[in-house]
Amino acid sequence: MGFATGFIGGLTLTSATFYLTLSLHTRNRLQQAALLRQQSLILTNIVDPQPQPPPPTARLERAGMVETAKDRWNGELEGLVRRVQTTDWRAEREQWEDRLGKVWGRVWESGKS
């Protein structure tokens, strides 16, 4: 092995070792810095907590004519269904029977005279 070959080989080995050592040292320092920032932020928030960010505001969008018509239609249907569900059908039947009985009585009386 000649002088030039040995020198270049040694230089390459030394440079690679130096580069890898510096790279590892840099990564370790970055990791340590990130951990220290995180711990500092945690301790700061324990002593002096950050105010909560305001909740996101809803974006109001004006409904078009079709959407307004749909909403009105759905409101009318909901009202009708609610009215049907809450109606006392027995009382309604008795009320109509009384009315028809009175009408039939009037028709019967007018037919006799």
PDB file of N, CA and C in Angstrom:
ATOM      1  N   MET A   1       0.871  -1.145   0.000  1.00  0.00           N
ATOM      2  CA  MET A   1       0.000   0.000   0.000  1.00  0.00           C
ATOM      3  C   MET A   1       0.924   1.215   0.000  1.00  0.00           C
ATOM      4  N   GLY A   2       0.624   2.153  -0.871  1.00  0.00           N
ATOM      5  CA  GLY A   2       1.474   3.318  -1.025  1.00  0.00           C
ATOM      6  C   GLY A   2       1.070   4.422  -0.061  1.00  0.00           C
ATOM      7  N   PHE A   3       1.907   5.424  -0.057  1.00  0.00           N
ATOM      8  CA  PHE A   3       1.653   6.557   0.848  1.00  0.00           C
ATOM      9  C   PHE A   3       0.355   7.265   0.503  1.00  0.00           C
ATOM     10  N   ALA A   4       0.118   7.533  -0.776  1.00  0.00           N
ATOM     11  CA  ALA A   4      -1.080   8.270  -1.194  1.00  0.00           C
ATOM     12  C   ALA A   4      -2.342   7.471  -0.878  1.00  0.00           C
ATOM     13  N   THR A   5      -2.303   6.181  -1.145  1.00  0.00           N
ATOM     14  CA  THR A   5      -3.477   5.346  -0.885  1.00  0.00           C
ATOM     15  C   THR A   5      -3.762   5.302   0.609  1.00  0.00           C
ATOM     16  N   GLY A   6      -2.751   5.123   1.432  1.00  0.00           N
ATOM     17  CA  GLY A   6      -2.945   5.086   2.873  1.00  0.00           C
ATOM     18  C   GLY A   6      -3.420   6.420   3.423  1.00  0.00           C
ATOM     19  N   PHE A   7      -2.859   7.506   2.870  1.00  0.00           N
ATOM     20  CA  PHE A   7      -3.263   8.831   3.329  1.00  0.00           C
ATOM     21  C   PHE A   7      -4.727   9.113   2.990  1.00  0.00           C
ATOM     22  N   ILE A   8      -5.120   8.803   1.751  1.00  0.00           N
ATOM     23  CA  ILE A   8      -6.510   9.046   1.325  1.00  0.00           C
ATOM     24  C   ILE A   8      -7.470   8.140   2.094  1.00  0.00           C
ATOM     25  N   GLY A   9      -7.090   6.883   2.328  1.00  0.00           N
ATOM     26  CA  GLY A   9      -7.927   5.965   3.092  1.00  0.00           C
ATOM     27  C   GLY A   9      -8.107   6.436   4.515  1.00  0.00           C
ATOM     28  N   GLY A  10      -6.994   6.879   5.140  1.00  0.00           N
ATOM     29  CA  GLY A  10      -7.073   7.382   6.504  1.00  0.00           C
ATOM     30  C   GLY A  10      -7.902   8.656   6.593  1.00  0.00           C
ATOM     31  N   LEU A  11      -7.684   9.551   5.597  1.00  0.00           N
ATOM     32  CA  LEU A  11      -8.457  10.788   5.554  1.00  0.00           C
ATOM     33  C   LEU A  11      -9.953  10.496   5.396  1.00  0.00           C
ATOM     34  N   THR A  12     -10.303   9.540   4.541  1.00  0.00           N
ATOM     35  CA  THR A  12     -11.703   9.170   4.329  1.00  0.00           C
ATOM     36  C   THR A  12     -12.301   8.586   5.605  1.00  0.00           C
ATOM     37  N   LEU A  13     -11.567   7.687   6.255  1.00  0.00           N
ATOM     38  CA  LEU A  13     -12.061   7.067   7.484  1.00  0.00           C
ATOM     39  C   LEU A  13     -12.224   8.118   8.581  1.00  0.00           C
ATOM     40  N   THR A  14     -11.270   9.001   8.715  1.00  0.00           N
ATOM     41  CA  THR A  14     -11.334  10.044   9.732  1.00  0.00           C
ATOM     42  C   THR A  14     -12.479  11.012   9.445  1.00  0.00           C
ATOM     43  N   SER A  15     -12.640  11.424   8.191  1.00  0.00           N
ATOM     44  CA  SER A  15     -13.719  12.350   7.805  1.00  0.00           C
ATOM     45  C   SER A  15     -15.086  11.727   8.049  1.00  0.00           C
ATOM     46  N   ALA A  16     -15.257  10.446   7.666  1.00  0.00           N
ATOM     47  CA  ALA A  16     -16.536   9.766   7.857  1.00  0.00           C
ATOM     48  C   ALA A  16     -16.858   9.656   9.340  1.00  0.00           C
ATOM     49  N   THR A  17     -15.864   9.304  10.142  1.00  0.00           N
ATOM     50  CA  THR A  17     -16.077   9.189  11.585  1.00  0.00           C
ATOM     51  C   THR A  17     -16.428  10.548  12.183  1.00  0.00           C
ATOM     52  N   PHE A  18     -15.689  11.588  11.775  1.00  0.00           N
ATOM     53  CA  PHE A  18     -15.947  12.938  12.265  1.00  0.00           C
ATOM     54  C   PHE A  18     -17.348  13.408  11.873  1.00  0.00           C
ATOM     55  N   TYR A  19     -17.764  13.148  10.601  1.00  0.00           N
ATOM     56  CA  TYR A  19     -19.081  13.565  10.116  1.00  0.00           C
ATOM     57  C   TYR A  19     -20.188  12.846  10.881  1.00  0.00           C
ATOM     58  N   LEU A  20     -20.040  11.536  11.058  1.00  0.00           N
ATOM     59  CA  LEU A  20     -21.068  10.773  11.765  1.00  0.00           C
ATOM     60  C   LEU A  20     -21.154  11.190  13.230  1.00  0.00           C
ATOM     61  N   THR A  21     -20.019  11.494  13.851  1.00  0.00           N
ATOM     62  CA  THR A  21     -20.023  11.938  15.237  1.00  0.00           C
ATOM     63  C   THR A  21     -20.732  13.286  15.375  1.00  0.00           C
ATOM     64  N   LEU A  22     -20.411  14.227  14.485  1.00  0.00           N
ATOM     65  CA  LEU A  22     -21.067  15.536  14.519  1.00  0.00           C
ATOM     66  C   LEU A  22     -22.563  15.425  14.235  1.00  0.00           C
ATOM     67  N   SER A  23     -22.934  14.569  13.294  1.00  0.00           N
ATOM     68  CA  SER A  23     -24.339  14.376  12.958  1.00  0.00           C
ATOM     69  C   SER A  23     -25.107  13.810  14.158  1.00  0.00           C
ATOM     70  N   LEU A  24     -24.532  12.803  14.807  1.00  0.00           N
ATOM     71  CA  LEU A  24     -25.164  12.222  15.983  1.00  0.00           C
ATOM     72  C   LEU A  24     -25.264  13.258  17.106  1.00  0.00           C
ATOM     73  N   HIS A  25     -24.218  14.030  17.308  1.00  0.00           N
ATOM     74  CA  HIS A  25     -24.219  15.061  18.341  1.00  0.00           C
ATOM     75  C   HIS A  25     -25.288  16.124  18.045  1.00  0.00           C
ATOM     76  N   THR A  26     -25.422  16.525  16.781  1.00  0.00           N
ATOM     77  CA  THR A  26     -26.430  17.526  16.383  1.00  0.00           C
ATOM     78  C   THR A  26     -27.841  16.993  16.635  1.00  0.00           C
ATOM     79  N   ARG A  27     -28.088  15.748  16.246  1.00  0.00           N
ATOM     80  CA  ARG A  27     -29.417  15.171  16.477  1.00  0.00           C
ATOM     81  C   ARG A  27     -29.730  15.080  17.966  1.00  0.00           C
ATOM     82  N   ASN A  28     -28.759  14.681  18.750  1.00  0.00           N
ATOM     83  CA  ASN A  28     -28.980  14.610  20.200  1.00  0.00           C
ATOM     84  C   ASN A  28     -29.293  15.984  20.781  1.00  0.00           C
ATOM     85  N   ARG A  29     -28.558  16.994  20.347  1.00  0.00           N
ATOM     86  CA  ARG A  29     -28.798  18.352  20.842  1.00  0.00           C
ATOM     87  C   ARG A  29     -30.187  18.845  20.436  1.00  0.00           C
ATOM     88  N   LEU A  30     -30.613  18.569  19.198  1.00  0.00           N
ATOM     89  CA  LEU A  30     -31.952  18.973  18.762  1.00  0.00           C
ATOM     90  C   LEU A  30     -33.035  18.270  19.576  1.00  0.00           C
ATOM     91  N   GLN A  31     -32.838  16.979  19.841  1.00  0.00           N
ATOM     92  CA  GLN A  31     -33.803  16.230  20.645  1.00  0.00           C
ATOM     93  C   GLN A  31     -33.867  16.791  22.065  1.00  0.00           C
ATOM     94  N   GLN A  32     -32.705  17.089  22.638  1.00  0.00           N
ATOM     95  CA  GLN A  32     -32.674  17.652  23.985  1.00  0.00           C
ATOM     96  C   GLN A  32     -33.335  19.026  24.023  1.00  0.00           C
ATOM     97  N   ALA A  33     -33.100  19.834  23.004  1.00  0.00           N
ATOM     98  CA  ALA A  33     -33.707  21.164  22.959  1.00  0.00           C
ATOM     99  C   ALA A  33     -35.227  21.046  22.871  1.00  0.00           C
ATOM    100  N   ALA A  34     -35.728  20.110  22.060  1.00  0.00           N
ATOM    101  CA  ALA A  34     -37.180  19.922  21.944  1.00  0.00           C
ATOM    102  C   ALA A  34     -37.775  19.470  23.275  1.00  0.00           C
ATOM    103  N   LEU A  35     -37.097  18.551  23.960  1.00  0.00           N
ATOM    104  CA  LEU A  35     -37.594  18.088  25.250  1.00  0.00           C
ATOM    105  C   LEU A  35     -37.583  19.210  26.284  1.00  0.00           C
ATOM    106  N   LEU A  36     -36.522  20.023  26.283  1.00  0.00           N
ATOM    107  CA  LEU A  36     -36.465  21.137  27.220  1.00  0.00           C
ATOM    108  C   LEU A  36     -37.562  22.164  26.944  1.00  0.00           C
ATOM    109  N   ARG A  37     -37.832  22.456  25.668  1.00  0.00           N
ATOM    110  CA  ARG A  37     -38.919  23.382  25.335  1.00  0.00           C
ATOM    111  C   ARG A  37     -40.258  22.828  25.801  1.00  0.00           C
ATOM    112  N   GLN A  38     -40.471  21.541  25.585  1.00  0.00           N
ATOM    113  CA  GLN A  38     -41.728  20.923  26.001  1.00  0.00           C
ATOM    114  C   GLN A  38     -41.887  20.976  27.524  1.00  0.00           C
ATOM    115  N   GLN A  39     -40.845  20.636  28.253  1.00  0.00           N
ATOM    116  CA  GLN A  39     -40.918  20.663  29.708  1.00  0.00           C
ATOM    117  C   GLN A  39     -41.105  22.083  30.223  1.00  0.00           C
ATOM    118  N   SER A  40     -40.446  23.038  29.591  1.00  0.00           N
ATOM    119  CA  SER A  40     -40.594  24.435  29.984  1.00  0.00           C
ATOM    120  C   SER A  40     -42.027  24.904  29.765  1.00  0.00           C
ATOM    121  N   LEU A  41     -42.599  24.532  28.637  1.00  0.00           N
ATOM    122  CA  LEU A  41     -43.983  24.917  28.344  1.00  0.00           C
ATOM    123  C   LEU A  41     -44.946  24.285  29.351  1.00  0.00           C
ATOM    124  N   ILE A  42     -44.704  23.027  29.706  1.00  0.00           N
ATOM    125  CA  ILE A  42     -45.576  22.353  30.681  1.00  0.00           C
ATOM    126  C   ILE A  42     -45.497  23.058  32.027  1.00  0.00           C
ATOM    127  N   LEU A  43     -44.276  23.352  32.471  1.00  0.00           N
ATOM    128  CA  LEU A  43     -44.124  24.017  33.767  1.00  0.00           C
ATOM    129  C   LEU A  43     -44.706  25.426  33.746  1.00  0.00           C
ATOM    130  N   THR A  44     -44.540  26.133  32.642  1.00  0.00           N
ATOM    131  CA  THR A  44     -45.106  27.472  32.524  1.00  0.00           C
ATOM    132  C   THR A  44     -46.627  27.419  32.568  1.00  0.00           C
ATOM    133  N   ASN A  45     -47.214  26.429  31.923  1.00  0.00           N
ATOM    134  CA  ASN A  45     -48.676  26.312  31.924  1.00  0.00           C
ATOM    135  C   ASN A  45     -49.214  25.900  33.280  1.00  0.00           C
ATOM    136  N   ILE A  46     -48.404  25.221  34.077  1.00  0.00           N
ATOM    137  CA  ILE A  46     -48.850  24.874  35.427  1.00  0.00           C
ATOM    138  C   ILE A  46     -48.886  26.132  36.290  1.00  0.00           C
ATOM    139  N   VAL A  47     -47.841  26.948  36.197  1.00  0.00           N
ATOM    140  CA  VAL A  47     -47.741  28.146  37.025  1.00  0.00           C
ATOM    141  C   VAL A  47     -48.658  29.250  36.503  1.00  0.00           C
ATOM    142  N   ASP A  48     -48.595  29.510  35.211  1.00  0.00           N
ATOM    143  CA  ASP A  48     -49.368  30.595  34.595  1.00  0.00           C
ATOM    144  C   ASP A  48     -50.063  30.046  33.358  1.00  0.00           C
ATOM    145  N   PRO A  49     -51.255  29.441  33.522  1.00  0.00           N
ATOM    146  CA  PRO A  49     -51.904  28.787  32.380  1.00  0.00           C
ATOM    147  C   PRO A  49     -52.293  29.780  31.287  1.00  0.00           C
ATOM    148  N   GLN A  50     -52.203  29.301  30.075  1.00  0.00           N
ATOM    149  CA  GLN A  50     -52.600  30.093  28.924  1.00  0.00           C
ATOM    150  C   GLN A  50     -54.124  30.171  28.884  1.00  0.00           C
ATOM    151  N   PRO A  51     -54.692  31.311  28.483  1.00  0.00           N
ATOM    152  CA  PRO A  51     -56.155  31.379  28.369  1.00  0.00           C
ATOM    153  C   PRO A  51     -56.634  30.477  27.231  1.00  0.00           C
ATOM    154  N   GLN A  52     -57.806  29.920  27.433  1.00  0.00           N
ATOM    155  CA  GLN A  52     -58.373  29.046  26.415  1.00  0.00           C
ATOM    156  C   GLN A  52     -58.714  29.857  25.169  1.00  0.00           C
ATOM    157  N   PRO A  53     -58.434  29.310  24.007  1.00  0.00           N
ATOM    158  CA  PRO A  53     -58.807  30.040  22.794  1.00  0.00           C
ATOM    159  C   PRO A  53     -60.322  30.102  22.678  1.00  0.00           C
ATOM    160  N   PRO A  54     -60.844  31.175  22.107  1.00  0.00           N
ATOM    161  CA  PRO A  54     -62.303  31.266  21.977  1.00  0.00           C
ATOM    162  C   PRO A  54     -62.817  30.184  21.040  1.00  0.00           C
ATOM    163  N   PRO A  55     -64.034  29.720  21.276  1.00  0.00           N
ATOM    164  CA  PRO A  55     -64.575  28.691  20.389  1.00  0.00           C
ATOM    165  C   PRO A  55     -64.750  29.256  18.988  1.00  0.00           C
ATOM    166  N   PRO A  56     -64.631  28.414  17.996  1.00  0.00           N
ATOM    167  CA  PRO A  56     -64.782  28.905  16.627  1.00  0.00           C
ATOM    168  C   PRO A  56     -66.192  29.436  16.400  1.00  0.00           C
ATOM    169  N   THR A  57     -66.266  30.542  15.717  1.00  0.00           N
ATOM    170  CA  THR A  57     -67.571  31.145  15.450  1.00  0.00           C
ATOM    171  C   THR A  57     -68.186  30.480  14.222  1.00  0.00           C
ATOM    172  N   ALA A  58     -69.475  30.301  14.300  1.00  0.00           N
ATOM    173  CA  ALA A  58     -70.177  29.693  13.181  1.00  0.00           C
ATOM    174  C   ALA A  58     -70.341  30.723  12.073  1.00  0.00           C
ATOM    175  N   ARG A  59     -70.138  30.275  10.884  1.00  0.00           N
ATOM    176  CA  ARG A  59     -70.296  31.168   9.750  1.00  0.00           C
ATOM    177  C   ARG A  59     -71.759  31.167   9.339  1.00  0.00           C
ATOM    178  N   LEU A  60     -72.362  32.336   9.378  1.00  0.00           N
ATOM    179  CA  LEU A  60     -73.769  32.446   9.018  1.00  0.00           C
ATOM    180  C   LEU A  60     -73.880  32.617   7.511  1.00  0.00           C
ATOM    181  N   GLU A  61     -74.685  31.776   6.941  1.00  0.00           N
ATOM    182  CA  GLU A  61     -74.889  31.843   5.503  1.00  0.00           C
ATOM    183  C   GLU A  61     -76.380  31.996   5.266  1.00  0.00           C
ATOM    184  N   ARG A  62     -76.725  32.966   4.480  1.00  0.00           N
ATOM    185  CA  ARG A  62     -78.140  33.207   4.215  1.00  0.00           C
ATOM    186  C   ARG A  62     -78.675  32.099   3.321  1.00  0.00           C
ATOM    187  N   ALA A  63     -79.813  31.564   3.738  1.00  0.00           N
ATOM    188  CA  ALA A  63     -80.433  30.498   2.970  1.00  0.00           C
ATOM    189  C   ALA A  63     -81.122  31.087   1.747  1.00  0.00           C
ATOM    190  N   GLY A  64     -81.118  30.326   0.695  1.00  0.00           N
ATOM    191  CA  GLY A  64     -81.778  30.762  -0.521  1.00  0.00           C
ATOM    192  C   GLY A  64     -83.282  30.580  -0.417  1.00  0.00           C
ATOM    193  N   MET A  65     -83.964  30.982  -1.465  1.00  0.00           N
ATOM    194  CA  MET A  65     -85.419  30.908  -1.473  1.00  0.00           C
ATOM    195  C   MET A  65     -85.899  29.461  -1.405  1.00  0.00           C
ATOM    196  N   VAL A  66     -85.204  28.563  -2.098  1.00  0.00           N
ATOM    197  CA  VAL A  66     -85.613  27.158  -2.092  1.00  0.00           C
ATOM    198  C   VAL A  66     -85.452  26.572  -0.695  1.00  0.00           C
ATOM    199  N   GLU A  67     -84.337  26.874  -0.042  1.00  0.00           N
ATOM    200  CA  GLU A  67     -84.112  26.353   1.306  1.00  0.00           C
ATOM    201  C   GLU A  67     -85.132  26.918   2.293  1.00  0.00           C
ATOM    202  N   THR A  68     -85.466  28.179   2.141  1.00  0.00           N
ATOM    203  CA  THR A  68     -86.470  28.787   3.015  1.00  0.00           C
ATOM    204  C   THR A  68     -87.822  28.110   2.813  1.00  0.00           C
ATOM    205  N   ALA A  69     -88.181  27.837   1.561  1.00  0.00           N
ATOM    206  CA  ALA A  69     -89.444  27.161   1.275  1.00  0.00           C
ATOM    207  C   ALA A  69     -89.445  25.744   1.867  1.00  0.00           C
ATOM    208  N   LYS A  70     -88.312  25.051   1.754  1.00  0.00           N
ATOM    209  CA  LYS A  70     -88.212  23.708   2.331  1.00  0.00           C
ATOM    210  C   LYS A  70     -88.381  23.759   3.845  1.00  0.00           C
ATOM    211  N   ASP A  71     -87.742  24.742   4.484  1.00  0.00           N
ATOM    212  CA  ASP A  71     -87.852  24.868   5.935  1.00  0.00           C
ATOM    213  C   ASP A  71     -89.288  25.146   6.367  1.00  0.00           C
ATOM    214  N   ARG A  72     -89.980  26.020   5.622  1.00  0.00           N
ATOM    215  CA  ARG A  72     -91.376  26.303   5.957  1.00  0.00           C
ATOM    216  C   ARG A  72     -92.238  25.055   5.774  1.00  0.00           C
ATOM    217  N   TRP A  73     -92.023  24.330   4.681  1.00  0.00           N
ATOM    218  CA  TRP A  73     -92.780  23.106   4.406  1.00  0.00           C
ATOM    219  C   TRP A  73     -92.550  22.092   5.523  1.00  0.00           C
ATOM    220  N   ASN A  74     -91.284  21.903   5.904  1.00  0.00           N
ATOM    221  CA  ASN A  74     -90.981  20.955   6.973  1.00  0.00           C
ATOM    222  C   ASN A  74     -91.589  21.402   8.296  1.00  0.00           C
ATOM    223  N   GLY A  75     -91.603  22.696   8.567  1.00  0.00           N
ATOM    224  CA  GLY A  75     -92.229  23.201   9.788  1.00  0.00           C
ATOM    225  C   GLY A  75     -93.721  22.930   9.805  1.00  0.00           C
ATOM    226  N   GLU A  76     -94.376  23.138   8.659  1.00  0.00           N
ATOM    227  CA  GLU A  76     -95.816  22.858   8.571  1.00  0.00           C
ATOM    228  C   GLU A  76     -96.094  21.370   8.794  1.00  0.00           C
ATOM    229  N   LEU A  77     -95.289  20.503   8.168  1.00  0.00           N
ATOM    230  CA  LEU A  77     -95.484  19.061   8.342  1.00  0.00           C
ATOM    231  C   LEU A  77     -95.252  18.639   9.784  1.00  0.00           C
ATOM    232  N   GLU A  78     -94.221  19.196  10.413  1.00  0.00           N
ATOM    233  CA  GLU A  78     -93.962  18.867  11.814  1.00  0.00           C
ATOM    234  C   GLU A  78     -95.139  19.282  12.690  1.00  0.00           C
ATOM    235  N   GLY A  79     -95.685  20.449  12.429  1.00  0.00           N
ATOM    236  CA  GLY A  79     -96.831  20.914  13.200  1.00  0.00           C
ATOM    237  C   GLY A  79     -98.040  20.004  13.026  1.00  0.00           C
ATOM    238  N   LEU A  80     -98.307  19.596  11.782  1.00  0.00           N
ATOM    239  CA  LEU A  80     -99.440  18.710  11.523  1.00  0.00           C
ATOM    240  C   LEU A  80     -99.258  17.350  12.192  1.00  0.00           C
ATOM    241  N   VAL A  81     -98.051  16.791  12.089  1.00  0.00           N
ATOM    242  CA  VAL A  81     -97.792  15.493  12.710  1.00  0.00           C
ATOM    243  C   VAL A  81     -97.920  15.599  14.218  1.00  0.00           C
ATOM    244  N   ARG A  82     -97.399  16.669  14.796  1.00  0.00           N
ATOM    245  CA  ARG A  82     -97.498  16.867  16.249  1.00  0.00           C
ATOM    246  C   ARG A  82     -98.965  16.993  16.662  1.00  0.00           C
ATOM    247  N   ARG A  83     -99.751  17.693  15.839  1.00  0.00           N
ATOM    248  CA  ARG A  83    -101.172  17.871  16.158  1.00  0.00           C
ATOM    249  C   ARG A  83    -101.909  16.531  16.094  1.00  0.00           C
ATOM    250  N   VAL A  84    -101.585  15.706  15.078  1.00  0.00           N
ATOM    251  CA  VAL A  84    -102.222  14.395  14.956  1.00  0.00           C
ATOM    252  C   VAL A  84    -101.830  13.507  16.133  1.00  0.00           C
ATOM    253  N   GLN A  85    -100.572  13.581  16.547  1.00  0.00           N
ATOM    254  CA  GLN A  85    -100.106  12.725  17.640  1.00  0.00           C
ATOM    255  C   GLN A  85    -100.692  13.136  18.983  1.00  0.00           C
ATOM    256  N   THR A  86    -100.958  14.412  19.182  1.00  0.00           N
ATOM    257  CA  THR A  86    -101.435  14.859  20.490  1.00  0.00           C
ATOM    258  C   THR A  86    -102.957  14.957  20.571  1.00  0.00           C
ATOM    259  N   THR A  87    -103.653  14.636  19.507  1.00  0.00           N
ATOM    260  CA  THR A  87    -105.114  14.730  19.513  1.00  0.00           C
ATOM    261  C   THR A  87    -105.714  13.550  20.268  1.00  0.00           C
ATOM    262  N   ASP A  88    -106.722  13.844  21.089  1.00  0.00           N
ATOM    263  CA  ASP A  88    -107.468  12.791  21.776  1.00  0.00           C
ATOM    264  C   ASP A  88    -108.586  12.355  20.836  1.00  0.00           C
ATOM    265  N   TRP A  89    -108.368  11.257  20.139  1.00  0.00           N
ATOM    266  CA  TRP A  89    -109.291  10.832  19.097  1.00  0.00           C
ATOM    267  C   TRP A  89    -110.614  10.337  19.663  1.00  0.00           C
ATOM    268  N   ARG A  90    -110.616   9.845  20.867  1.00  0.00           N
ATOM    269  CA  ARG A  90    -111.868   9.406  21.473  1.00  0.00           C
ATOM    270  C   ARG A  90    -112.782  10.604  21.715  1.00  0.00           C
ATOM    271  N   ALA A  91    -112.214  11.698  22.225  1.00  0.00           N
ATOM    272  CA  ALA A  91    -113.010  12.911  22.458  1.00  0.00           C
ATOM    273  C   ALA A  91    -113.499  13.483  21.128  1.00  0.00           C
ATOM    274  N   GLU A  92    -112.660  13.438  20.111  1.00  0.00           N
ATOM    275  CA  GLU A  92    -113.081  13.931  18.786  1.00  0.00           C
ATOM    276  C   GLU A  92    -114.248  13.094  18.249  1.00  0.00           C
ATOM    277  N   ARG A  93    -114.146  11.780  18.395  1.00  0.00           N
ATOM    278  CA  ARG A  93    -115.228  10.907  17.911  1.00  0.00           C
ATOM    279  C   ARG A  93    -116.533  11.200  18.638  1.00  0.00           C
ATOM    280  N   GLU A  94    -116.455  11.349  19.958  1.00  0.00           N
ATOM    281  CA  GLU A  94    -117.677  11.638  20.729  1.00  0.00           C
ATOM    282  C   GLU A  94    -118.266  12.995  20.346  1.00  0.00           C
ATOM    283  N   GLN A  95    -117.391  13.972  20.109  1.00  0.00           N
ATOM    284  CA  GLN A  95    -117.871  15.301  19.715  1.00  0.00           C
ATOM    285  C   GLN A  95    -118.592  15.228  18.363  1.00  0.00           C
ATOM    286  N   TRP A  96    -118.014  14.501  17.395  1.00  0.00           N
ATOM    287  CA  TRP A  96    -118.665  14.383  16.094  1.00  0.00           C
ATOM    288  C   TRP A  96    -119.960  13.573  16.180  1.00  0.00           C
ATOM    289  N   GLU A  97    -119.973  12.571  17.028  1.00  0.00           N
ATOM    290  CA  GLU A  97    -121.224  11.816  17.208  1.00  0.00           C
ATOM    291  C   GLU A  97    -122.325  12.716  17.751  1.00  0.00           C
ATOM    292  N   ASP A  98    -122.002  13.572  18.718  1.00  0.00           N
ATOM    293  CA  ASP A  98    -122.994  14.502  19.266  1.00  0.00           C
ATOM    294  C   ASP A  98    -123.493  15.453  18.188  1.00  0.00           C
ATOM    295  N   ARG A  99    -122.573  16.008  17.393  1.00  0.00           N
ATOM    296  CA  ARG A  99    -122.976  16.946  16.334  1.00  0.00           C
ATOM    297  C   ARG A  99    -123.870  16.254  15.309  1.00  0.00           C
ATOM    298  N   LEU A 100    -123.456  15.061  14.860  1.00  0.00           N
ATOM    299  CA  LEU A 100    -124.264  14.360  13.865  1.00  0.00           C
ATOM    300  C   LEU A 100    -125.615  13.932  14.449  1.00  0.00           C
ATOM    301  N   GLY A 101    -125.616  13.605  15.732  1.00  0.00           N
ATOM    302  CA  GLY A 101    -126.890  13.260  16.381  1.00  0.00           C
ATOM    303  C   GLY A 101    -127.841  14.443  16.393  1.00  0.00           C
ATOM    304  N   LYS A 102    -127.318  15.642  16.679  1.00  0.00           N
ATOM    305  CA  LYS A 102    -128.159  16.836  16.677  1.00  0.00           C
ATOM    306  C   LYS A 102    -128.662  17.138  15.272  1.00  0.00           C
ATOM    307  N   VAL A 103    -127.783  17.028  14.284  1.00  0.00           N
ATOM    308  CA  VAL A 103    -128.197  17.287  12.898  1.00  0.00           C
ATOM    309  C   VAL A 103    -129.248  16.255  12.487  1.00  0.00           C
ATOM    310  N   TRP A 104    -129.048  15.015  12.809  1.00  0.00           N
ATOM    311  CA  TRP A 104    -130.009  13.975  12.454  1.00  0.00           C
ATOM    312  C   TRP A 104    -131.345  14.205  13.153  1.00  0.00           C
ATOM    313  N   GLY A 105    -131.279  14.668  14.408  1.00  0.00           N
ATOM    314  CA  GLY A 105    -132.510  14.987  15.130  1.00  0.00           C
ATOM    315  C   GLY A 105    -133.258  16.116  14.462  1.00  0.00           C
ATOM    316  N   ARG A 106    -132.561  17.160  13.995  1.00  0.00           N
ATOM    317  CA  ARG A 106    -133.214  18.266  13.302  1.00  0.00           C
ATOM    318  C   ARG A 106    -133.826  17.801  11.991  1.00  0.00           C
ATOM    319  N   VAL A 107    -133.082  16.973  11.259  1.00  0.00           N
ATOM    320  CA  VAL A 107    -133.610  16.466   9.990  1.00  0.00           C
ATOM    321  C   VAL A 107    -134.850  15.596  10.269  1.00  0.00           C
ATOM    322  N   TRP A 108    -134.846  14.788  11.293  1.00  0.00           N
ATOM    323  CA  TRP A 108    -135.947  13.926  11.639  1.00  0.00           C
ATOM    324  C   TRP A 108    -137.171  14.746  12.033  1.00  0.00           C
ATOM    325  N   GLU A 109    -136.932  15.825  12.832  1.00  0.00           N
ATOM    326  CA  GLU A 109    -138.033  16.687  13.231  1.00  0.00           C
ATOM    327  C   GLU A 109    -138.606  17.459  12.052  1.00  0.00           C
ATOM    328  N   SER A 110    -137.758  17.922  11.153  1.00  0.00           N
ATOM    329  CA  SER A 110    -138.269  18.661   9.989  1.00  0.00           C
ATOM    330  C   SER A 110    -138.973  17.718   9.021  1.00  0.00           C
ATOM    331  N   GLY A 111    -138.596  16.446   9.016  1.00  0.00           N
ATOM    332  CA  GLY A 111    -139.273  15.479   8.147  1.00  0.00           C
ATOM    333  C   GLY A 111    -140.648  15.105   8.666  1.00  0.00           C
ATOM    334  N   LYS A 112    -140.872  15.180   9.962  1.00  0.00           N
ATOM    335  CA  LYS A 112    -142.164  14.846  10.551  1.00  0.00           C
ATOM    336  C   LYS A 112    -143.171  15.949  10.310  1.00  0.00           C
ATOM    337  N   SER A 113    -142.690  17.205  10.270  1.00  0.00           N
ATOM    338  CA  SER A 113    -143.652  18.289  10.145  1.00  0.00           C
ATOM    339  C   SER A 113    -143.978  18.640   8.731  1.00  0.00           C
TER     340      SER A 113
END
